[in-house]
Amino acid sequence: MSHLFKEKKKFLIFIKLLLLAIISLILFKTCLIYKGNQFIYLLFSIISLSLVFFSFRKKSIFYETFFGIFIFLGFWLKFSIIESFDIGFTEGLSKTSFISSQNYDDALIASCVGMLGIILFGLIREKFFFYPSRIDLNINTEFYKKFRNIFIFFLFLTIIIVCFVNFYFQIYQRGMVGNSYNFLISGFIKTSLLYFLSLCVTIILFFDLASYKKVSFLILSFVILEPFLSSVSMFSRGMIFNSFAIGFALYKLSNKTNLKLELNFYLKFLVFLFIAFYISVITVNNLRNSNGIASSIIIENNKQNTGYNIISKKFNTNATSSFHGFYHLVIHRWVGINSMLIITKDKEFLNFELFYKSLKEKYDSKSPSFYEEKFKIYSIDNYQKNSSIKGNTLPGLMAFLFFSGSYVFLFFSIILLSFFATFLEYFIYKSTNKNLLASGLIGMVIAYRFTHFGYLPSRSYLLFGSIVGIIILFFLIKFVAQFIEIKLKK
């Protein structure tokens, strides 16, 4: 990213020093009050920070970058902020929960093992595959140019129809039991909202860049508009992820082509993105509260925490439910260290039998998830009070793998699953004429899924199967297009 600051090197140095100072302050404060072995916390900090730097090296792929960020946010940053500012954990833990010094150490050691697995995978992977330093945008775009306006209109119409149909018929909404319709229709709606509509945006944007060698602000607006509408439609507060992934991939692509995008362009994009994100979160929180989705749980969790009370007093507010939801989202919703602390409370309970049982989990809208029930996060009747509401507390991939109680299994499973993620990202790249924007989105989607893994793991084939299906579809379209082009030349 340094090429964006060629004329503002002092500003870049200032940002780096500021971040270093903030991280050092948090690290130092947490280390002083850490209840376990301080050497383990320091080791945890070194590996976590190394993972972040490693994730942004030149040869990193998008899956590595985003998975590294999610792990850092959910483990080191979340743990250190909650401990240093005495905010208190939620979702299975609270200010009144007793966490022994051994429990702290066990959780951090297991986390370190998982992060080391990610780093080793990256070192092996880059020997075989990494993105080229230069990408040629000289592809055949005549067909796209001819029907450009039709493609844009059809994309906009599809986004509106899909989001409206889902919102009106409540097919897929987070925290609620969706209405059952035709499997294909429901699957198409869910896949479209999660990533396929965003993937279509990356295809249009890529062909537009290849055609005109500049960014169309009309099409760029879809990068923010589509995730915004999709997130509101499915009651999700994660609109920022798809948009940020595409924006980051656009930065990477511009750095590998002759596309000249200045720092101001990215700053404006980020400003609009964060404004849209804040509006979407507040909107979704209001929609969730009006439907009674977990609002009371969030409010009670927050009010038990010192950190919430300080913030609430500072802003002189009892805060609406939406504020509670936003606070909870920013501080507590990163998945990671909470679940690792919970499952390592009683390490004797962890074994391969428990892990195998978790793989057989079946959907039941009126019962807690396997993780929630086995680790006593919610009572057995928690979801029986309202048949239309079904939320889940997720352990995340690292904690899920450590259900086995085996550090070796955790370490090597992370490596193998990361290779699987790499294959998917690579084949998306190849099937879309080296569309780095599509690769960035899919890399993030897989990283996000791994980070939020653990509920109905056997159903993961639905997401990964859809990605494989789309890759096959793109290869077929590419083959047919090349065949037609050859025939026309004859």
Protein backbone atom coordinates (compact mmCIF):
# COMPACT_ATOMS: atom_id res chain seq x y z
CA MET A 1 0.00 0.00 0.00
CA SER A 2 3.03 2.25 0.25
CA HIS A 3 2.72 3.29 -3.41
CA LEU A 4 -0.42 5.24 -2.45
CA PHE A 5 1.64 7.32 -0.01
CA LYS A 6 4.55 8.23 -2.27
CA GLU A 7 3.88 11.93 -1.78
CA LYS A 8 2.69 11.54 1.80
CA LYS A 9 5.37 9.39 3.39
CA LYS A 10 5.25 11.33 6.65
CA PHE A 11 1.53 10.65 6.94
CA LEU A 12 2.15 6.92 6.39
CA ILE A 13 4.87 6.91 9.05
CA PHE A 14 2.50 8.71 11.44
CA ILE A 15 -0.23 6.09 10.90
CA LYS A 16 2.21 3.23 11.48
CA LEU A 17 3.58 4.80 14.65
CA LEU A 18 0.07 5.50 15.93
CA LEU A 19 -1.02 1.91 15.39
CA LEU A 20 2.19 0.65 16.98
CA ALA A 21 1.62 2.87 20.02
CA ILE A 22 -2.00 1.73 20.45
CA ILE A 23 -1.15 -1.98 20.11
CA SER A 24 1.84 -1.62 22.45
CA LEU A 25 -0.29 0.14 25.07
CA ILE A 26 -2.99 -2.55 24.93
CA LEU A 27 -0.40 -5.33 24.99
CA PHE A 28 1.50 -3.84 27.93
CA LYS A 29 -1.64 -3.18 29.98
CA THR A 30 -3.08 -6.64 29.33
CA CYS A 31 0.22 -8.33 30.14
CA LEU A 32 0.37 -6.61 33.53
CA ILE A 33 -3.11 -7.79 34.58
CA TYR A 34 -3.11 -11.18 32.82
CA LYS A 35 -4.17 -13.84 35.31
CA GLY A 36 -2.22 -16.71 33.82
CA ASN A 37 1.41 -17.17 32.81
CA GLN A 38 2.54 -13.85 31.32
CA PHE A 39 5.04 -15.60 29.07
CA ILE A 40 2.12 -17.45 27.40
CA TYR A 41 0.29 -14.17 26.80
CA LEU A 42 3.44 -12.63 25.30
CA LEU A 43 3.87 -15.67 23.05
CA PHE A 44 0.19 -15.40 22.09
CA SER A 45 0.73 -11.70 21.25
CA ILE A 46 3.87 -12.32 19.19
CA ILE A 47 2.23 -15.08 17.13
CA SER A 48 -0.98 -13.05 16.66
CA LEU A 49 0.85 -9.94 15.47
CA SER A 50 3.13 -12.06 13.29
CA LEU A 51 0.03 -13.56 11.68
CA VAL A 52 -1.26 -10.09 10.77
CA PHE A 53 2.03 -9.04 9.14
CA PHE A 54 2.29 -12.44 7.46
CA SER A 55 -1.25 -12.10 6.07
CA PHE A 56 -0.34 -8.88 4.25
CA ARG A 57 2.93 -9.99 2.69
CA LYS A 58 3.29 -9.65 -1.10
CA LYS A 59 2.74 -13.34 -1.81
CA SER A 60 -0.36 -13.69 0.37
CA ILE A 61 -3.66 -14.71 -1.20
CA PHE A 62 -7.02 -13.24 -0.24
CA TYR A 63 -8.12 -16.18 1.90
CA GLU A 64 -4.96 -15.85 4.00
CA THR A 65 -5.35 -12.11 4.37
CA PHE A 66 -8.96 -12.18 5.50
CA PHE A 67 -8.67 -15.28 7.65
CA GLY A 68 -5.64 -13.74 9.35
CA ILE A 69 -7.58 -10.52 10.00
CA PHE A 70 -10.62 -12.36 11.38
CA ILE A 71 -8.46 -14.52 13.64
CA PHE A 72 -6.55 -11.50 14.92
CA LEU A 73 -9.76 -9.58 15.64
CA GLY A 74 -11.52 -12.53 17.26
CA PHE A 75 -8.61 -13.70 19.36
CA TRP A 76 -5.84 -11.26 20.28
CA LEU A 77 -7.60 -7.91 19.84
CA LYS A 78 -10.90 -9.01 21.39
CA PHE A 79 -9.20 -10.72 24.32
CA SER A 80 -6.77 -7.88 24.98
CA ILE A 81 -9.38 -5.11 24.81
CA ILE A 82 -11.86 -6.96 27.02
CA GLU A 83 -9.17 -7.75 29.59
CA SER A 84 -7.34 -4.42 29.58
CA PHE A 85 -10.51 -2.31 29.77
CA ASP A 86 -12.38 -4.74 32.04
CA ILE A 87 -15.34 -4.91 29.65
CA GLY A 88 -16.32 -8.48 30.37
CA PHE A 89 -17.07 -11.39 28.02
CA THR A 90 -20.52 -12.33 26.70
CA GLU A 91 -22.14 -15.24 24.85
CA GLY A 92 -21.46 -18.00 27.33
CA LEU A 93 -19.24 -15.93 29.60
CA SER A 94 -19.92 -12.83 31.67
CA LYS A 95 -18.38 -10.58 34.31
CA THR A 96 -19.48 -13.08 36.96
CA SER A 97 -17.98 -16.11 35.17
CA PHE A 98 -14.96 -17.58 36.90
CA ILE A 99 -12.05 -18.16 34.55
CA SER A 100 -9.05 -19.82 36.15
CA SER A 101 -5.48 -18.92 35.28
CA GLN A 102 -5.05 -22.42 33.80
CA ASN A 103 -8.16 -21.88 31.67
CA TYR A 104 -6.65 -18.67 30.29
CA ASP A 105 -3.36 -20.39 29.48
CA ASP A 106 -5.01 -23.42 27.86
CA ALA A 107 -7.17 -21.22 25.63
CA LEU A 108 -4.23 -19.10 24.50
CA ILE A 109 -2.00 -22.12 23.83
CA ALA A 110 -4.65 -23.78 21.64
CA SER A 111 -5.14 -20.47 19.81
CA CYS A 112 -1.39 -20.23 19.17
CA VAL A 113 -1.34 -23.75 17.71
CA GLY A 114 -4.12 -22.86 15.27
CA MET A 115 -2.43 -19.62 14.19
CA LEU A 116 0.89 -21.39 13.66
CA GLY A 117 -0.96 -23.81 11.38
CA ILE A 118 -2.15 -20.87 9.24
CA ILE A 119 1.37 -19.46 9.02
CA LEU A 120 2.95 -22.81 8.07
CA PHE A 121 0.26 -23.33 5.42
CA GLY A 122 1.11 -19.94 3.90
CA LEU A 123 4.80 -20.77 3.74
CA ILE A 124 4.07 -24.05 1.95
CA ARG A 125 1.38 -22.65 -0.34
CA GLU A 126 3.48 -19.79 -1.71
CA LYS A 127 5.95 -22.32 -3.10
CA PHE A 128 3.25 -23.52 -5.49
CA PHE A 129 0.78 -20.71 -6.09
CA PHE A 130 0.71 -16.94 -5.75
CA TYR A 131 -0.73 -14.17 -7.88
CA PRO A 132 1.54 -12.71 -10.58
CA SER A 133 3.07 -9.27 -10.04
CA ARG A 134 1.40 -8.04 -13.26
CA ILE A 135 -2.04 -8.86 -14.69
CA ASP A 136 -3.02 -8.13 -18.29
CA LEU A 137 -6.48 -6.60 -18.70
CA ASN A 138 -6.41 -7.03 -22.48
CA ILE A 139 -9.31 -9.45 -22.84
CA ASN A 140 -12.10 -9.53 -25.42
CA THR A 141 -14.83 -7.20 -24.14
CA GLU A 142 -16.69 -6.41 -27.37
CA PHE A 143 -19.76 -8.37 -26.32
CA TYR A 144 -19.78 -6.62 -22.94
CA LYS A 145 -19.42 -3.17 -24.51
CA LYS A 146 -22.28 -3.84 -26.89
CA PHE A 147 -24.72 -4.85 -24.14
CA ARG A 148 -23.20 -2.93 -21.20
CA ASN A 149 -26.32 -0.96 -20.30
CA ILE A 150 -28.48 -4.07 -20.46
CA PHE A 151 -26.09 -5.94 -18.13
CA ILE A 152 -26.12 -3.08 -15.62
CA PHE A 153 -29.91 -2.73 -15.72
CA PHE A 154 -30.43 -6.49 -15.39
CA LEU A 155 -28.01 -6.62 -12.43
CA PHE A 156 -29.84 -3.79 -10.66
CA LEU A 157 -33.23 -5.38 -11.33
CA THR A 158 -32.04 -8.77 -10.07
CA ILE A 159 -30.68 -7.23 -6.85
CA ILE A 160 -33.97 -5.45 -6.16
CA ILE A 161 -36.12 -8.50 -6.91
CA VAL A 162 -34.01 -10.95 -4.88
CA CYS A 163 -33.78 -8.64 -1.86
CA PHE A 164 -37.50 -7.80 -1.95
CA VAL A 165 -38.60 -11.42 -2.37
CA ASN A 166 -36.42 -12.53 0.55
CA PHE A 167 -37.55 -9.68 2.80
CA TYR A 168 -41.24 -10.11 2.01
CA PHE A 169 -41.40 -13.90 2.15
CA GLN A 170 -38.82 -14.23 4.97
CA ILE A 171 -36.90 -17.00 3.23
CA TYR A 172 -33.51 -16.36 4.85
CA GLN A 173 -33.17 -13.93 7.74
CA ARG A 174 -30.53 -14.15 10.45
CA GLY A 175 -31.88 -15.03 13.86
CA MET A 176 -35.21 -16.25 12.51
CA VAL A 177 -36.61 -19.57 11.35
CA GLY A 178 -37.00 -19.10 7.60
CA ASN A 179 -40.16 -20.03 5.72
CA SER A 180 -39.80 -23.25 3.75
CA TYR A 181 -40.27 -23.00 0.00
CA ASN A 182 -38.93 -24.90 -2.98
CA PHE A 183 -35.37 -26.09 -2.28
CA LEU A 184 -33.98 -24.60 -5.49
CA ILE A 185 -35.69 -21.23 -4.98
CA SER A 186 -34.62 -20.99 -1.35
CA GLY A 187 -31.08 -22.08 -2.24
CA PHE A 188 -30.82 -19.53 -5.04
CA ILE A 189 -32.07 -16.72 -2.80
CA LYS A 190 -29.71 -17.61 0.04
CA THR A 191 -26.66 -18.05 -2.22
CA SER A 192 -27.44 -14.80 -4.04
CA LEU A 193 -27.66 -12.82 -0.81
CA LEU A 194 -24.55 -14.36 0.74
CA TYR A 195 -22.19 -13.82 -2.17
CA PHE A 196 -23.51 -14.51 -5.70
CA LEU A 197 -24.96 -11.03 -6.30
CA SER A 198 -21.68 -9.54 -5.09
CA LEU A 199 -19.85 -11.94 -7.39
CA CYS A 200 -21.93 -10.67 -10.33
CA VAL A 201 -20.92 -7.12 -9.37
CA THR A 202 -17.24 -8.12 -9.52
CA ILE A 203 -17.75 -9.62 -13.00
CA ILE A 204 -19.38 -6.42 -14.32
CA LEU A 205 -16.76 -4.21 -12.66
CA PHE A 206 -13.88 -6.31 -14.00
CA PHE A 207 -15.15 -6.22 -17.58
CA ASP A 208 -15.76 -2.50 -17.27
CA LEU A 209 -12.19 -1.95 -16.08
CA ALA A 210 -10.87 -4.11 -18.94
CA SER A 211 -12.98 -2.18 -21.45
CA TYR A 212 -12.35 1.42 -20.42
CA LYS A 213 -9.26 1.22 -18.14
CA LYS A 214 -10.98 3.35 -15.52
CA VAL A 215 -13.45 2.93 -12.67
CA SER A 216 -17.09 3.70 -13.41
CA PHE A 217 -18.62 5.26 -10.30
CA LEU A 218 -22.02 3.96 -11.37
CA ILE A 219 -20.78 0.37 -11.21
CA LEU A 220 -18.62 1.07 -8.15
CA SER A 221 -21.77 2.19 -6.33
CA PHE A 222 -23.06 -1.40 -6.72
CA VAL A 223 -20.11 -2.56 -4.58
CA ILE A 224 -21.76 -0.77 -1.65
CA LEU A 225 -25.42 -0.79 -2.69
CA GLU A 226 -25.78 -4.54 -3.27
CA PRO A 227 -24.31 -5.70 0.10
CA PHE A 228 -26.34 -2.96 1.83
CA LEU A 229 -29.66 -4.14 0.38
CA SER A 230 -28.78 -7.83 0.79
CA SER A 231 -27.79 -7.34 4.44
CA VAL A 232 -30.97 -5.47 5.30
CA SER A 233 -33.01 -8.10 3.49
CA MET A 234 -31.51 -10.96 5.53
CA PHE A 235 -31.19 -9.04 8.83
CA SER A 236 -27.41 -9.28 8.67
CA ARG A 237 -25.02 -6.73 10.17
CA GLY A 238 -22.12 -7.87 8.01
CA MET A 239 -22.57 -5.78 4.86
CA ILE A 240 -19.10 -4.31 5.21
CA PHE A 241 -17.32 -7.59 4.50
CA ASN A 242 -18.32 -8.16 0.87
CA SER A 243 -17.83 -4.49 0.02
CA PHE A 244 -14.46 -4.26 1.76
CA ALA A 245 -13.27 -7.49 0.11
CA ILE A 246 -14.06 -6.12 -3.35
CA GLY A 247 -12.50 -2.75 -2.50
CA PHE A 248 -9.33 -4.42 -1.23
CA ALA A 249 -9.18 -6.64 -4.33
CA LEU A 250 -9.60 -3.52 -6.49
CA TYR A 251 -6.57 -2.01 -4.76
CA LYS A 252 -4.58 -5.21 -5.44
CA LEU A 253 -5.72 -5.26 -9.07
CA SER A 254 -4.82 -1.60 -9.63
CA ASN A 255 -1.36 -2.32 -8.26
CA LYS A 256 -0.89 -5.15 -10.77
CA THR A 257 -2.17 -3.22 -13.82
CA ASN A 258 -1.85 0.23 -15.31
CA LEU A 259 -5.02 1.33 -13.54
CA LYS A 260 -4.19 4.58 -11.72
CA LEU A 261 -6.21 5.06 -8.55
CA GLU A 262 -5.10 7.69 -6.05
CA LEU A 263 -5.28 7.66 -2.27
CA ASN A 264 -8.25 10.05 -2.29
CA PHE A 265 -10.25 7.52 -4.30
CA TYR A 266 -9.85 4.85 -1.60
CA LEU A 267 -10.49 7.32 1.21
CA LYS A 268 -13.77 8.41 -0.38
CA PHE A 269 -14.72 4.78 -0.94
CA LEU A 270 -14.05 3.94 2.72
CA VAL A 271 -16.02 6.97 3.95
CA PHE A 272 -19.08 6.00 1.91
CA LEU A 273 -18.64 2.36 2.92
CA PHE A 274 -18.55 3.10 6.66
CA ILE A 275 -21.52 5.45 6.42
CA ALA A 276 -23.51 2.77 4.61
CA PHE A 277 -22.32 0.16 7.10
CA TYR A 278 -23.43 2.23 10.10
CA ILE A 279 -26.84 2.89 8.54
CA SER A 280 -27.26 -0.80 7.70
CA VAL A 281 -26.36 -1.89 11.25
CA ILE A 282 -28.78 0.54 12.85
CA THR A 283 -31.49 -0.43 10.35
CA VAL A 284 -30.96 -4.15 10.90
CA ASN A 285 -30.87 -3.70 14.67
CA ASN A 286 -34.24 -1.93 14.52
CA LEU A 287 -35.65 -4.69 12.31
CA ARG A 288 -34.27 -7.35 14.66
CA ASN A 289 -35.66 -5.59 17.71
CA SER A 290 -39.08 -5.19 16.13
CA ASN A 291 -39.05 -8.95 15.54
CA GLY A 292 -37.76 -9.69 19.06
CA ILE A 293 -34.50 -11.25 17.88
CA ALA A 294 -32.11 -11.60 20.83
CA SER A 295 -32.51 -7.96 21.84
CA SER A 296 -33.18 -8.78 25.48
CA ILE A 297 -30.15 -11.10 25.65
CA ILE A 298 -27.85 -8.47 24.17
CA ILE A 299 -29.14 -5.73 26.48
CA GLU A 300 -28.73 -7.88 29.59
CA ASN A 301 -25.25 -8.98 28.57
CA ASN A 302 -24.18 -5.41 27.96
CA LYS A 303 -25.68 -3.99 31.14
CA GLN A 304 -23.71 -6.53 33.21
CA ASN A 305 -20.47 -5.25 31.71
CA THR A 306 -18.42 -2.36 33.06
CA GLY A 307 -17.43 -1.26 29.58
CA TYR A 308 -21.00 -0.81 28.46
CA ASN A 309 -21.92 1.23 31.54
CA ILE A 310 -18.95 3.59 30.95
CA ILE A 311 -19.95 4.16 27.34
CA SER A 312 -23.62 4.56 28.17
CA LYS A 313 -22.85 7.21 30.82
CA LYS A 314 -20.38 9.00 28.58
CA PHE A 315 -23.05 9.50 25.93
CA ASN A 316 -25.60 10.28 28.62
CA THR A 317 -28.01 7.67 27.39
CA ASN A 318 -29.76 4.52 28.40
CA ALA A 319 -29.32 3.89 24.74
CA THR A 320 -31.86 2.44 22.43
CA SER A 321 -31.80 -1.23 21.62
CA SER A 322 -30.07 -0.31 18.38
CA PHE A 323 -27.19 1.28 20.31
CA HIS A 324 -26.92 -1.83 22.49
CA GLY A 325 -26.79 -3.90 19.33
CA PHE A 326 -24.11 -1.73 17.72
CA TYR A 327 -21.94 -1.76 20.85
CA HIS A 328 -22.32 -5.53 21.12
CA LEU A 329 -21.43 -5.95 17.46
CA VAL A 330 -18.26 -3.82 17.56
CA ILE A 331 -16.84 -5.31 20.76
CA HIS A 332 -18.20 -8.80 21.19
CA ARG A 333 -19.32 -10.29 17.89
CA TRP A 334 -15.86 -11.26 16.65
CA VAL A 335 -15.77 -15.04 16.93
CA GLY A 336 -12.77 -16.66 18.56
CA ILE A 337 -11.42 -16.35 22.07
CA ASN A 338 -14.81 -16.62 23.83
CA SER A 339 -15.42 -20.12 22.52
CA MET A 340 -11.82 -21.21 23.17
CA LEU A 341 -12.12 -20.10 26.80
CA ILE A 342 -15.43 -21.96 27.14
CA ILE A 343 -14.30 -25.29 25.69
CA THR A 344 -10.99 -25.35 27.59
CA LYS A 345 -12.72 -24.86 30.95
CA ASP A 346 -12.86 -28.62 31.28
CA LYS A 347 -10.23 -30.11 28.93
CA GLU A 348 -11.05 -33.67 30.06
CA PHE A 349 -14.40 -33.25 28.31
CA LEU A 350 -12.66 -32.74 24.95
CA ASN A 351 -12.03 -35.84 22.82
CA PHE A 352 -12.55 -37.22 19.32
CA GLU A 353 -15.87 -38.77 20.30
CA LEU A 354 -17.18 -35.27 21.08
CA PHE A 355 -15.82 -34.01 17.76
CA TYR A 356 -17.48 -36.85 15.79
CA LYS A 357 -20.80 -36.21 17.54
CA SER A 358 -20.62 -32.54 16.59
CA LEU A 359 -20.31 -33.54 12.92
CA LYS A 360 -23.68 -35.34 13.15
CA GLU A 361 -25.58 -32.31 14.44
CA LYS A 362 -29.12 -32.04 13.02
CA TYR A 363 -31.23 -28.94 12.54
CA ASP A 364 -33.81 -28.29 15.24
CA SER A 365 -35.30 -24.81 15.42
CA LYS A 366 -36.52 -25.32 19.01
CA SER A 367 -33.28 -26.62 20.53
CA PRO A 368 -29.88 -25.09 21.25
CA SER A 369 -27.04 -26.00 18.92
CA PHE A 370 -24.65 -28.83 19.78
CA TYR A 371 -22.07 -26.31 20.99
CA GLU A 372 -24.61 -24.33 23.05
CA GLU A 373 -26.00 -27.45 24.69
CA LYS A 374 -22.80 -29.41 25.39
CA PHE A 375 -20.99 -26.41 26.86
CA LYS A 376 -24.08 -25.14 28.71
CA ILE A 377 -24.25 -21.75 27.00
CA TYR A 378 -28.06 -21.77 26.83
CA SER A 379 -30.67 -23.88 28.54
CA ILE A 380 -32.44 -26.62 26.61
CA ASP A 381 -35.67 -24.57 26.41
CA ASN A 382 -34.00 -21.31 25.30
CA TYR A 383 -35.54 -21.33 21.81
CA GLN A 384 -38.91 -22.84 22.78
CA LYS A 385 -40.35 -19.51 23.91
CA ASN A 386 -40.68 -18.19 20.37
CA SER A 387 -40.94 -20.65 17.49
CA SER A 388 -39.99 -18.03 14.88
CA ILE A 389 -36.63 -17.08 16.46
CA LYS A 390 -33.47 -19.16 16.17
CA GLY A 391 -30.06 -17.65 16.81
CA ASN A 392 -26.78 -19.48 17.30
CA THR A 393 -23.59 -18.94 19.25
CA LEU A 394 -20.73 -20.10 17.05
CA PRO A 395 -17.43 -21.63 18.23
CA GLY A 396 -15.44 -20.83 15.08
CA LEU A 397 -13.23 -23.26 13.19
CA MET A 398 -10.28 -23.35 15.62
CA ALA A 399 -12.43 -24.04 18.69
CA PHE A 400 -14.54 -26.51 16.71
CA LEU A 401 -11.46 -28.50 15.69
CA PHE A 402 -10.24 -28.43 19.29
CA PHE A 403 -13.40 -30.27 20.39
CA SER A 404 -11.04 -33.19 19.72
CA GLY A 405 -8.72 -32.03 22.50
CA SER A 406 -5.77 -32.68 20.16
CA TYR A 407 -3.25 -29.94 19.33
CA VAL A 408 -1.85 -32.07 16.49
CA PHE A 409 -5.31 -32.51 14.93
CA LEU A 410 -6.02 -28.78 15.24
CA PHE A 411 -2.69 -27.85 13.65
CA PHE A 412 -2.86 -30.16 10.62
CA SER A 413 -6.60 -29.72 10.05
CA ILE A 414 -6.12 -25.96 9.74
CA ILE A 415 -3.42 -26.60 7.12
CA LEU A 416 -5.55 -29.07 5.10
CA LEU A 417 -8.67 -26.89 5.16
CA SER A 418 -6.61 -23.88 4.14
CA PHE A 419 -5.36 -25.78 1.09
CA PHE A 420 -8.97 -26.57 0.21
CA ALA A 421 -9.82 -22.87 0.48
CA THR A 422 -6.83 -22.03 -1.74
CA PHE A 423 -8.02 -24.40 -4.49
CA LEU A 424 -11.42 -22.71 -4.56
CA GLU A 425 -9.91 -19.22 -4.71
CA TYR A 426 -7.46 -20.32 -7.41
CA PHE A 427 -10.14 -21.90 -9.62
CA ILE A 428 -12.36 -18.82 -9.31
CA TYR A 429 -9.37 -16.80 -10.50
CA LYS A 430 -8.78 -19.12 -13.47
CA SER A 431 -12.44 -19.51 -14.44
CA THR A 432 -13.09 -15.74 -14.56
CA ASN A 433 -10.19 -14.69 -16.84
CA LYS A 434 -7.94 -13.79 -13.91
CA ASN A 435 -10.57 -11.63 -12.23
CA LEU A 436 -8.83 -10.65 -9.02
CA LEU A 437 -12.01 -8.97 -7.77
CA ALA A 438 -13.89 -12.29 -7.84
CA SER A 439 -10.96 -14.04 -6.15
CA GLY A 440 -10.93 -11.45 -3.38
CA LEU A 441 -14.64 -11.87 -2.71
CA ILE A 442 -14.55 -15.69 -2.66
CA GLY A 443 -11.40 -15.71 -0.52
CA MET A 444 -13.19 -13.52 2.03
CA VAL A 445 -16.40 -15.59 1.91
CA ILE A 446 -14.47 -18.78 2.73
CA ALA A 447 -12.45 -17.06 5.47
CA TYR A 448 -15.67 -15.67 6.97
CA ARG A 449 -17.28 -19.10 6.87
CA PHE A 450 -14.31 -20.72 8.60
CA THR A 451 -14.26 -18.00 11.24
CA HIS A 452 -17.98 -18.54 11.93
CA PHE A 453 -17.83 -22.32 11.66
CA GLY A 454 -19.41 -24.81 14.05
CA TYR A 455 -23.18 -24.85 13.54
CA LEU A 456 -24.48 -27.74 11.41
CA PRO A 457 -21.00 -28.49 10.01
CA SER A 458 -22.37 -31.23 7.75
CA ARG A 459 -24.32 -28.56 5.86
CA SER A 460 -21.14 -26.78 4.83
CA TYR A 461 -21.41 -28.67 1.53
CA LEU A 462 -24.21 -26.26 0.59
CA LEU A 463 -21.89 -23.25 0.57
CA PHE A 464 -18.80 -24.97 -0.79
CA GLY A 465 -20.86 -27.00 -3.24
CA SER A 466 -22.40 -23.81 -4.61
CA ILE A 467 -18.93 -22.30 -5.09
CA VAL A 468 -17.76 -25.43 -6.92
CA GLY A 469 -20.90 -25.32 -9.06
CA ILE A 470 -20.30 -21.68 -9.96
CA ILE A 471 -16.68 -22.44 -10.86
CA ILE A 472 -17.86 -25.21 -13.21
CA LEU A 473 -20.46 -22.85 -14.70
CA PHE A 474 -17.84 -20.15 -15.31
CA PHE A 475 -15.50 -22.66 -16.98
CA LEU A 476 -18.36 -23.80 -19.25
CA ILE A 477 -19.22 -20.20 -20.18
CA LYS A 478 -15.54 -19.52 -20.86
CA PHE A 479 -15.26 -22.63 -23.05
CA VAL A 480 -18.41 -21.80 -25.03
CA ALA A 481 -17.30 -18.19 -25.51
CA GLN A 482 -13.89 -19.29 -26.80
CA PHE A 483 -15.52 -21.86 -29.11
CA ILE A 484 -17.87 -19.25 -30.60
CA GLU A 485 -14.98 -16.78 -31.03
CA ILE A 486 -12.94 -19.39 -32.93
CA LYS A 487 -15.91 -20.24 -35.17
CA LEU A 488 -16.54 -16.56 -35.97
CA LYS A 489 -12.89 -16.05 -36.93
CA LYS A 490 -13.17 -18.91 -39.42
